Amino acid sequence: MDRPKTVKSYQDRHRLTVDDCSLLARQFNLERSLLPGAPLTEAQSLEAECLDDLHTKSMLKAERKCRHLFTGGACFSLKVAEPLAVLNFWELVIVESTILI
């Protein structure tokens, strides 16, 4: 994503969800409850999975909302369209001729 407006929109949308679900505080509490070298308890494992799931859903939602901002931003070019049409035509001819044979 090389467009600052899109990046800012994505970050703002994601930040809102992170704040609403208090993901950072929950992650901090989870990390504080861990013992070095000890495996996760069942509750800690469930909390970690829940945090990961919420974080992933938040990122996907923000991406989905920001994707449309510059859709169709590429200009139409006759220099590209004409050769593409010729290629499509010949691909169709080759496919049709192989089917008939």
C-alpha atoms as a PDB file:
ATOM      1  CA  MET A   1       0.000   0.000   0.000  1.00  0.00           C
ATOM      2  CA  ASP A   2       1.829   3.029  -1.251  1.00  0.00           C
ATOM      3  CA  ARG A   3      -0.956   5.565  -0.829  1.00  0.00           C
ATOM      4  CA  PRO A   4      -0.809   7.492   2.474  1.00  0.00           C
ATOM      5  CA  LYS A   5      -4.565   8.180   2.502  1.00  0.00           C
ATOM      6  CA  THR A   6      -5.381   4.468   2.234  1.00  0.00           C
ATOM      7  CA  VAL A   7      -2.795   3.509   4.859  1.00  0.00           C
ATOM      8  CA  LYS A   8      -4.126   6.118   7.300  1.00  0.00           C
ATOM      9  CA  SER A   9      -7.715   4.992   6.746  1.00  0.00           C
ATOM     10  CA  TYR A  10      -6.718   1.356   7.318  1.00  0.00           C
ATOM     11  CA  GLN A  11      -4.806   2.185  10.494  1.00  0.00           C
ATOM     12  CA  ASP A  12      -7.618   4.361  11.873  1.00  0.00           C
ATOM     13  CA  ARG A  13     -10.248   1.668  11.275  1.00  0.00           C
ATOM     14  CA  HIS A  14      -8.059  -1.041  12.795  1.00  0.00           C
ATOM     15  CA  ARG A  15      -7.191   1.158  15.796  1.00  0.00           C
ATOM     16  CA  LEU A  16     -10.907   1.715  16.524  1.00  0.00           C
ATOM     17  CA  THR A  17     -11.539  -2.015  16.765  1.00  0.00           C
ATOM     18  CA  VAL A  18      -8.418  -2.549  18.867  1.00  0.00           C
ATOM     19  CA  ASP A  19      -9.570   0.156  21.276  1.00  0.00           C
ATOM     20  CA  ASP A  20     -13.200  -1.056  21.371  1.00  0.00           C
ATOM     21  CA  CYS A  21     -12.173  -4.620  22.233  1.00  0.00           C
ATOM     22  CA  SER A  22      -9.288  -3.454  24.504  1.00  0.00           C
ATOM     23  CA  LEU A  23      -6.992  -5.885  22.719  1.00  0.00           C
ATOM     24  CA  LEU A  24      -3.797  -4.240  23.929  1.00  0.00           C
ATOM     25  CA  ALA A  25      -4.789  -4.412  27.602  1.00  0.00           C
ATOM     26  CA  ARG A  26      -5.905  -8.025  27.232  1.00  0.00           C
ATOM     27  CA  GLN A  27      -2.642  -8.943  25.523  1.00  0.00           C
ATOM     28  CA  PHE A  28      -0.618  -7.194  28.220  1.00  0.00           C
ATOM     29  CA  ASN A  29      -2.521  -9.070  30.959  1.00  0.00           C
ATOM     30  CA  LEU A  30      -1.999 -12.365  29.149  1.00  0.00           C
ATOM     31  CA  GLU A  31       1.732 -11.761  28.755  1.00  0.00           C
ATOM     32  CA  ARG A  32       2.005 -10.753  32.414  1.00  0.00           C
ATOM     33  CA  SER A  33       0.334 -13.981  33.529  1.00  0.00           C
ATOM     34  CA  LEU A  34       2.796 -16.204  31.634  1.00  0.00           C
ATOM     35  CA  LEU A  35       5.585 -18.006  33.426  1.00  0.00           C
ATOM     36  CA  PRO A  36       8.919 -18.287  31.572  1.00  0.00           C
ATOM     37  CA  GLY A  37       9.522 -21.829  30.362  1.00  0.00           C
ATOM     38  CA  ALA A  38       6.071 -23.058  31.456  1.00  0.00           C
ATOM     39  CA  PRO A  39       3.453 -24.187  28.920  1.00  0.00           C
ATOM     40  CA  LEU A  40       0.236 -22.233  28.515  1.00  0.00           C
ATOM     41  CA  THR A  41      -2.735 -23.205  30.625  1.00  0.00           C
ATOM     42  CA  GLU A  42      -6.028 -23.961  28.905  1.00  0.00           C
ATOM     43  CA  ALA A  43      -7.430 -20.528  29.815  1.00  0.00           C
ATOM     44  CA  GLN A  44      -4.304 -18.748  28.573  1.00  0.00           C
ATOM     45  CA  SER A  45      -4.399 -20.704  25.342  1.00  0.00           C
ATOM     46  CA  LEU A  46      -8.064 -19.835  24.764  1.00  0.00           C
ATOM     47  CA  GLU A  47      -7.398 -16.155  25.495  1.00  0.00           C
ATOM     48  CA  ALA A  48      -4.445 -16.116  23.070  1.00  0.00           C
ATOM     49  CA  GLU A  49      -6.570 -17.725  20.344  1.00  0.00           C
ATOM     50  CA  CYS A  50      -9.398 -15.262  20.990  1.00  0.00           C
ATOM     51  CA  LEU A  51      -7.030 -12.275  20.791  1.00  0.00           C
ATOM     52  CA  ASP A  52      -5.520 -13.570  17.569  1.00  0.00           C
ATOM     53  CA  ASP A  53      -8.953 -14.145  16.049  1.00  0.00           C
ATOM     54  CA  LEU A  54     -10.187 -10.653  16.997  1.00  0.00           C
ATOM     55  CA  HIS A  55      -7.002  -9.062  15.664  1.00  0.00           C
ATOM     56  CA  THR A  56      -7.283 -10.948  12.358  1.00  0.00           C
ATOM     57  CA  LYS A  57     -10.969 -10.047  11.944  1.00  0.00           C
ATOM     58  CA  SER A  58     -10.175  -6.400  12.655  1.00  0.00           C
ATOM     59  CA  MET A  59      -7.434  -6.302  10.025  1.00  0.00           C
ATOM     60  CA  LEU A  60      -9.623  -8.022   7.426  1.00  0.00           C
ATOM     61  CA  LYS A  61     -12.524  -5.654   8.106  1.00  0.00           C
ATOM     62  CA  ALA A  62     -10.263  -2.601   7.807  1.00  0.00           C
ATOM     63  CA  GLU A  63      -8.746  -3.965   4.581  1.00  0.00           C
ATOM     64  CA  ARG A  64     -12.192  -4.682   3.133  1.00  0.00           C
ATOM     65  CA  LYS A  65     -13.363  -1.128   3.921  1.00  0.00           C
ATOM     66  CA  CYS A  66     -10.224   0.463   2.412  1.00  0.00           C
ATOM     67  CA  ARG A  67      -9.926  -1.688  -0.699  1.00  0.00           C
ATOM     68  CA  HIS A  68     -12.492   0.299  -2.681  1.00  0.00           C
ATOM     69  CA  LEU A  69     -10.773   3.687  -2.246  1.00  0.00           C
ATOM     70  CA  PHE A  70      -8.668   3.433  -5.381  1.00  0.00           C
ATOM     71  CA  THR A  71     -10.424   0.716  -7.340  1.00  0.00           C
ATOM     72  CA  GLY A  72     -10.316   1.581 -11.011  1.00  0.00           C
ATOM     73  CA  GLY A  73      -7.508   4.067 -10.500  1.00  0.00           C
ATOM     74  CA  ALA A  74      -5.620   2.820 -13.540  1.00  0.00           C
ATOM     75  CA  CYS A  75      -6.344   4.821 -16.656  1.00  0.00           C
ATOM     76  CA  PHE A  76      -7.657   3.070 -19.750  1.00  0.00           C
ATOM     77  CA  SER A  77      -5.007   2.867 -22.431  1.00  0.00           C
ATOM     78  CA  LEU A  78      -5.734   2.085 -26.061  1.00  0.00           C
ATOM     79  CA  LYS A  79      -2.072   1.051 -26.473  1.00  0.00           C
ATOM     80  CA  VAL A  80      -2.664  -1.785 -24.005  1.00  0.00           C
ATOM     81  CA  ALA A  81      -6.249  -2.634 -24.960  1.00  0.00           C
ATOM     82  CA  GLU A  82      -5.636  -3.294 -28.657  1.00  0.00           C
ATOM     83  CA  PRO A  83      -2.829  -5.878 -28.263  1.00  0.00           C
ATOM     84  CA  LEU A  84      -4.790  -7.520 -25.454  1.00  0.00           C
ATOM     85  CA  ALA A  85      -7.811  -7.870 -27.730  1.00  0.00           C
ATOM     86  CA  VAL A  86      -5.627  -9.439 -30.445  1.00  0.00           C
ATOM     87  CA  LEU A  87      -4.162 -11.907 -27.910  1.00  0.00           C
ATOM     88  CA  ASN A  88      -7.618 -12.820 -26.648  1.00  0.00           C
ATOM     89  CA  PHE A  89      -8.809 -13.369 -30.205  1.00  0.00           C
ATOM     90  CA  TRP A  90      -5.934 -15.711 -31.077  1.00  0.00           C
ATOM     91  CA  GLU A  91      -6.279 -17.619 -27.803  1.00  0.00           C
ATOM     92  CA  LEU A  92      -9.938 -18.173 -28.642  1.00  0.00           C
ATOM     93  CA  VAL A  93      -9.048 -19.316 -32.169  1.00  0.00           C
ATOM     94  CA  ILE A  94      -6.452 -21.782 -30.855  1.00  0.00           C
ATOM     95  CA  VAL A  95      -8.787 -23.178 -28.196  1.00  0.00           C
ATOM     96  CA  GLU A  96     -11.646 -23.563 -30.661  1.00  0.00           C
ATOM     97  CA  SER A  97      -9.425 -25.220 -33.273  1.00  0.00           C
ATOM     98  CA  THR A  98      -8.098 -27.756 -30.737  1.00  0.00           C
ATOM     99  CA  ILE A  99     -11.647 -28.617 -29.682  1.00  0.00           C
ATOM    100  CA  LEU A 100     -12.726 -29.250 -33.278  1.00  0.00           C
ATOM    101  CA  ILE A 101      -9.754 -31.461 -34.044  1.00  0.00           C
END
